Amino acid sequence: MNYLKINRFNHHLQVNIKQLREICRQLYKKYAPIEITRRRNVSQCKLSDITVLTLLIWQAKTGIESQRRFCESFCDLSHSRFNRRARQLLPLINLIRRFLNKEIDLSGRYMTIDSFPIPVCQPVRNRRVKIFRSYANIGYKATKKIYYYGFKVHALVSDDGYILNYTVTKASVHDAKAAPELIDNTTGLTNRYILGDEGYIGHKLQDQLKQKSYILWTPYRKNMTRAKEHNNHELMAIRRGIETNFSLLTYYQAENNRARSLVGFQQRLEVEILASNLEYCLERFN
């Protein structure tokens, strides 16, 4: 069958820092708005926006989760100043990711939806942690069978490995509740078939998406009626491809986000997703 021959583009970034800077220069020249390129005193900055963007993606590529340790590897790089500059570029990083979504041909047959956890502390501190108290809570990590305090990232991925969109919720939010909003906020979708895991089983969600012309397929649990007939192994194999994307994001330290502010948290997550999508573009379009 045709969909068994899907090529996935999701390896690590295979570029050196000089090549990465040239890529960032082209992205900055093409997508940066005037509000960023001509903001006050921008010409007096010791590090250009292109250099800062390059270093952020390079940090994700090298897998260094501590920004302070990353800055120490560059003698003249101040951690506090670099952190402020990185947060200033958050709107630009978001713009680049959204413009890439519009320019890339994503006419594949399927989309995959799933989520992964981002704990912000060790489980032993779940009940007494104070950071993000109004925004995060305790959820369950099924893969390790433990409860954690933090967030959950819900992602929509093309069948060949491009991250179309994501949303962040509290750790306790069920996957099925976040799915409609995530799909509604994703622009440029041409395919209407969505593959999910057992967490998206339910007639309510299927009816919601059906009204929007989407078809949701999820495997049945083993104890459900007609599970053997329904569980198409080819579709299950395509759906499992999203785990490869999540593994790459884990390598980029997406699950070890050390930021202690919401802006810093979003900035790091945006950089990691942008690094993953740049890798996709470089591998697919050479």
Protein backbone atom coordinates (compact mmCIF):
# COMPACT_ATOMS: atom_id res chain seq x y z
CA MET A 1 0.00 0.00 0.00
CA ASN A 2 1.23 3.52 -0.75
CA TYR A 3 1.24 4.85 2.76
CA LEU A 4 3.70 2.14 3.83
CA LYS A 5 6.42 3.92 1.81
CA ILE A 6 6.31 7.21 3.70
CA ASN A 7 9.75 8.80 4.15
CA ARG A 8 10.36 10.44 7.52
CA PHE A 9 12.78 13.34 7.83
CA ASN A 10 13.77 13.59 11.48
CA HIS A 11 17.48 13.17 12.13
CA HIS A 12 19.76 15.51 14.05
CA LEU A 13 20.91 18.75 12.44
CA GLN A 14 23.90 17.89 10.24
CA VAL A 15 25.44 21.37 9.93
CA ASN A 16 28.37 23.22 11.48
CA ILE A 17 27.96 26.56 13.20
CA LYS A 18 29.08 28.51 10.12
CA GLN A 19 26.44 26.86 7.95
CA LEU A 20 23.84 27.35 10.67
CA ARG A 21 24.62 31.06 10.87
CA GLU A 22 24.10 31.42 7.13
CA ILE A 23 20.73 29.66 7.43
CA CYS A 24 19.72 31.98 10.28
CA ARG A 25 20.87 35.01 8.28
CA GLN A 26 18.58 34.05 5.40
CA LEU A 27 15.66 33.39 7.76
CA TYR A 28 16.21 36.71 9.53
CA LYS A 29 16.44 38.63 6.26
CA LYS A 30 13.28 37.01 4.90
CA TYR A 31 10.98 36.93 7.93
CA ALA A 32 12.11 39.52 10.51
CA PRO A 33 9.63 42.44 10.67
CA ILE A 34 10.66 46.08 10.86
CA GLU A 35 9.68 46.21 14.54
CA ILE A 36 12.59 43.87 15.26
CA THR A 37 15.19 44.87 12.66
CA ARG A 38 14.87 48.61 13.36
CA ARG A 39 14.10 48.66 17.04
CA ARG A 40 15.78 51.20 19.28
CA ASN A 41 19.58 50.85 19.76
CA VAL A 42 19.71 47.57 17.84
CA SER A 43 22.86 48.70 16.00
CA GLN A 44 24.71 49.11 19.31
CA CYS A 45 24.30 45.48 20.38
CA LYS A 46 27.57 43.56 20.63
CA LEU A 47 25.84 40.42 19.37
CA SER A 48 23.57 40.69 16.35
CA ASP A 49 20.14 39.10 16.33
CA ILE A 50 21.41 36.60 13.75
CA THR A 51 24.21 35.51 16.08
CA VAL A 52 21.86 35.14 19.03
CA LEU A 53 19.42 33.08 16.95
CA THR A 54 22.31 30.91 15.72
CA LEU A 55 23.56 30.30 19.26
CA LEU A 56 20.10 29.38 20.51
CA ILE A 57 19.65 26.73 17.83
CA TRP A 58 23.24 25.58 18.32
CA GLN A 59 22.56 25.10 22.05
CA ALA A 60 19.57 22.90 21.19
CA LYS A 61 21.63 20.99 18.62
CA THR A 62 24.41 20.24 21.10
CA GLY A 63 21.90 19.16 23.75
CA ILE A 64 23.18 21.51 26.47
CA GLU A 65 20.22 22.07 28.80
CA SER A 66 21.91 24.65 31.06
CA GLN A 67 22.12 28.05 29.38
CA ARG A 68 24.65 29.21 31.98
CA ARG A 69 26.98 26.32 31.13
CA PHE A 70 26.48 27.01 27.43
CA CYS A 71 27.46 30.67 27.86
CA GLU A 72 30.57 29.68 29.84
CA SER A 73 31.89 27.92 26.74
CA PHE A 74 32.09 31.35 25.06
CA CYS A 75 34.49 33.61 26.94
CA ASP A 76 32.83 36.95 26.11
CA LEU A 77 29.20 35.78 26.39
CA SER A 78 27.30 37.14 29.40
CA HIS A 79 24.62 34.73 30.60
CA SER A 80 22.18 37.40 31.81
CA ARG A 81 22.55 39.54 28.68
CA PHE A 82 22.25 36.52 26.38
CA ASN A 83 19.13 35.41 28.27
CA ARG A 84 17.49 38.85 27.83
CA ARG A 85 18.34 38.95 24.12
CA ALA A 86 16.96 35.44 23.66
CA ARG A 87 13.62 36.41 25.18
CA GLN A 88 13.46 39.50 22.96
CA LEU A 89 13.65 37.24 19.90
CA LEU A 90 10.69 35.07 20.94
CA PRO A 91 8.24 36.84 18.54
CA LEU A 92 10.71 36.38 15.66
CA ILE A 93 11.22 32.66 16.37
CA ASN A 94 7.45 32.19 16.46
CA LEU A 95 7.07 34.08 13.16
CA ILE A 96 9.72 31.96 11.43
CA ARG A 97 8.00 28.75 12.51
CA ARG A 98 4.61 29.95 11.29
CA PHE A 99 5.92 31.19 7.94
CA LEU A 100 7.70 27.89 7.34
CA ASN A 101 4.36 26.13 7.87
CA LYS A 102 2.86 28.13 5.01
CA GLU A 103 5.73 27.59 2.58
CA ILE A 104 6.29 23.86 3.00
CA ASP A 105 4.18 21.45 0.96
CA LEU A 106 2.44 19.24 3.52
CA SER A 107 0.06 17.40 1.26
CA GLY A 108 0.63 14.01 2.89
CA ARG A 109 -2.25 11.72 3.58
CA TYR A 110 -2.15 11.68 7.39
CA MET A 111 -1.47 13.81 10.43
CA THR A 112 -0.55 12.44 13.85
CA ILE A 113 -1.49 13.91 17.22
CA ASP A 114 0.03 13.08 20.61
CA SER A 115 1.50 14.67 23.74
CA PHE A 116 4.62 14.47 25.90
CA PRO A 117 5.27 15.66 29.48
CA ILE A 118 7.58 18.44 30.67
CA PRO A 119 8.24 18.10 34.42
CA VAL A 120 9.73 21.15 36.13
CA CYS A 121 10.94 19.38 39.29
CA GLN A 122 11.67 15.94 40.69
CA PRO A 123 8.60 13.89 41.73
CA VAL A 124 9.61 14.08 45.39
CA ARG A 125 8.90 17.85 45.30
CA ASN A 126 5.50 17.63 43.57
CA ARG A 127 3.52 18.79 46.62
CA ARG A 128 5.77 21.62 47.78
CA VAL A 129 7.11 23.20 44.59
CA LYS A 130 6.20 26.88 44.15
CA ILE A 131 7.33 27.66 40.61
CA PHE A 132 4.55 28.04 38.00
CA ARG A 133 2.02 27.42 40.76
CA SER A 134 -0.82 29.12 38.88
CA TYR A 135 -0.02 27.55 35.51
CA ALA A 136 1.19 23.97 36.13
CA ASN A 137 -0.11 21.06 38.17
CA ILE A 138 0.38 17.33 38.77
CA GLY A 139 -0.18 14.83 35.97
CA TYR A 140 0.58 11.20 35.27
CA LYS A 141 3.43 10.00 33.04
CA ALA A 142 2.22 6.65 31.73
CA THR A 143 5.54 5.56 30.18
CA LYS A 144 7.34 5.65 33.54
CA LYS A 145 4.21 5.17 35.69
CA ILE A 146 4.93 8.16 37.91
CA TYR A 147 3.20 11.41 38.80
CA TYR A 148 5.00 14.62 37.89
CA TYR A 149 4.50 18.36 38.36
CA GLY A 150 4.69 20.52 35.26
CA PHE A 151 3.21 20.88 31.80
CA LYS A 152 2.08 18.77 28.87
CA VAL A 153 2.87 19.61 25.24
CA HIS A 154 0.30 18.52 22.65
CA ALA A 155 1.70 18.38 19.11
CA LEU A 156 0.33 17.87 15.60
CA VAL A 157 2.85 16.27 13.23
CA SER A 158 2.75 15.45 9.51
CA ASP A 159 3.17 11.85 8.45
CA ASP A 160 6.76 12.51 7.30
CA GLY A 161 7.92 14.21 10.49
CA TYR A 162 7.21 17.98 10.32
CA ILE A 163 5.81 19.56 13.51
CA LEU A 164 2.80 21.57 12.33
CA ASN A 165 1.73 23.11 15.61
CA TYR A 166 1.76 22.64 19.37
CA THR A 167 0.00 23.83 22.48
CA VAL A 168 1.00 23.71 26.15
CA THR A 169 -1.42 22.83 28.94
CA LYS A 170 -1.29 21.83 32.58
CA ALA A 171 -0.05 18.30 33.17
CA SER A 172 -3.49 17.03 34.23
CA VAL A 173 -5.31 18.09 31.02
CA HIS A 174 -6.51 15.08 29.05
CA ASP A 175 -5.25 14.72 25.47
CA ALA A 176 -8.78 14.67 24.04
CA LYS A 177 -9.64 18.05 25.59
CA ALA A 178 -6.67 19.83 24.01
CA ALA A 179 -7.07 18.28 20.53
CA PRO A 180 -9.86 20.50 19.07
CA GLU A 181 -8.14 23.78 19.95
CA LEU A 182 -4.79 22.51 18.67
CA ILE A 183 -6.28 21.54 15.30
CA ASP A 184 -8.29 24.78 15.00
CA ASN A 185 -5.16 26.89 15.53
CA THR A 186 -3.18 25.04 12.85
CA THR A 187 -3.34 26.82 9.51
CA GLY A 188 -2.71 25.45 6.04
CA LEU A 189 -3.97 21.91 6.65
CA THR A 190 -4.76 20.05 3.44
CA ASN A 191 -5.16 16.52 4.76
CA ARG A 192 -8.14 15.55 6.89
CA TYR A 193 -7.07 12.23 8.40
CA ILE A 194 -5.72 12.36 11.96
CA LEU A 195 -4.10 9.43 13.75
CA GLY A 196 -4.11 9.30 17.55
CA ASP A 197 -3.43 6.79 20.30
CA GLU A 198 -5.79 5.32 22.91
CA GLY A 199 -5.91 8.66 24.74
CA TYR A 200 -8.12 10.08 21.98
CA ILE A 201 -10.74 7.33 22.00
CA GLY A 202 -14.27 8.69 22.40
CA HIS A 203 -17.33 9.48 20.32
CA LYS A 204 -17.49 13.06 21.60
CA LEU A 205 -14.10 14.03 20.18
CA GLN A 206 -14.74 12.15 16.94
CA ASP A 207 -18.04 13.97 16.48
CA GLN A 208 -16.41 17.34 17.19
CA LEU A 209 -13.75 16.76 14.56
CA LYS A 210 -16.21 15.26 12.09
CA GLN A 211 -18.19 18.51 12.15
CA LYS A 212 -14.98 20.25 11.04
CA SER A 213 -14.45 17.68 8.24
CA TYR A 214 -11.66 15.77 10.03
CA ILE A 215 -11.58 12.00 10.39
CA LEU A 216 -9.95 10.76 13.60
CA TRP A 217 -8.61 7.21 13.77
CA THR A 218 -7.45 5.63 17.02
CA PRO A 219 -6.59 2.00 17.80
CA TYR A 220 -8.98 0.12 20.05
CA ARG A 221 -7.90 -1.30 23.37
CA LYS A 222 -7.53 -5.07 23.44
CA ASN A 223 -10.65 -5.55 25.55
CA MET A 224 -12.86 -3.52 23.20
CA THR A 225 -15.27 -5.09 20.72
CA ARG A 226 -13.82 -5.73 17.23
CA ALA A 227 -10.37 -4.62 18.32
CA LYS A 228 -8.54 -7.10 16.06
CA GLU A 229 -10.50 -6.07 12.97
CA HIS A 230 -10.18 -2.34 13.68
CA ASN A 231 -6.51 -2.13 14.66
CA ASN A 232 -4.86 -1.59 11.29
CA HIS A 233 -1.16 -2.34 11.81
CA GLU A 234 -0.07 -0.08 8.95
CA LEU A 235 -1.86 2.92 10.47
CA MET A 236 -0.50 2.05 13.90
CA ALA A 237 3.02 2.03 12.46
CA ILE A 238 2.52 5.48 10.91
CA ARG A 239 1.12 6.81 14.19
CA ARG A 240 4.15 5.55 16.12
CA GLY A 241 6.34 7.73 13.92
CA ILE A 242 5.49 10.70 16.14
CA GLU A 243 7.49 9.03 18.91
CA THR A 244 10.58 9.57 16.78
CA ASN A 245 9.82 13.30 16.68
CA PHE A 246 9.42 13.35 20.45
CA SER A 247 12.71 11.47 20.85
CA LEU A 248 14.44 14.15 18.78
CA LEU A 249 12.86 16.89 20.89
CA THR A 250 14.06 15.04 23.99
CA TYR A 251 17.58 15.11 22.54
CA TYR A 252 17.13 18.87 22.12
CA GLN A 253 16.23 18.95 25.86
CA ALA A 254 12.54 19.78 25.35
CA GLU A 255 11.60 17.64 28.35
CA ASN A 256 14.29 19.26 30.54
CA ASN A 257 13.21 22.88 30.23
CA ARG A 258 15.09 24.74 32.97
CA ALA A 259 13.42 28.11 32.43
CA ARG A 260 11.88 29.72 35.48
CA SER A 261 9.56 32.16 33.71
CA LEU A 262 6.76 31.60 31.22
CA VAL A 263 8.49 33.68 28.54
CA GLY A 264 11.73 31.74 28.98
CA PHE A 265 9.84 28.46 28.95
CA GLN A 266 8.08 29.28 25.68
CA GLN A 267 11.26 30.67 24.11
CA ARG A 268 13.19 27.46 24.75
CA LEU A 269 10.38 25.27 23.51
CA GLU A 270 10.01 27.37 20.34
CA VAL A 271 13.73 27.07 19.62
CA GLU A 272 13.69 23.30 20.06
CA ILE A 273 10.70 22.89 17.73
CA LEU A 274 12.29 25.27 15.19
CA ALA A 275 15.51 23.22 15.31
CA SER A 276 13.51 20.06 14.61
CA ASN A 277 11.67 21.68 11.67
CA LEU A 278 14.90 23.12 10.23
CA GLU A 279 16.36 19.63 10.29
CA TYR A 280 13.28 18.42 8.41
CA CYS A 281 13.67 21.15 5.76
CA LEU A 282 17.39 20.54 5.29
CA GLU A 283 16.97 16.79 4.94
CA ARG A 284 13.93 16.93 2.68
CA PHE A 285 14.93 19.84 0.44
CA ASN A 286 18.73 19.52 0.75
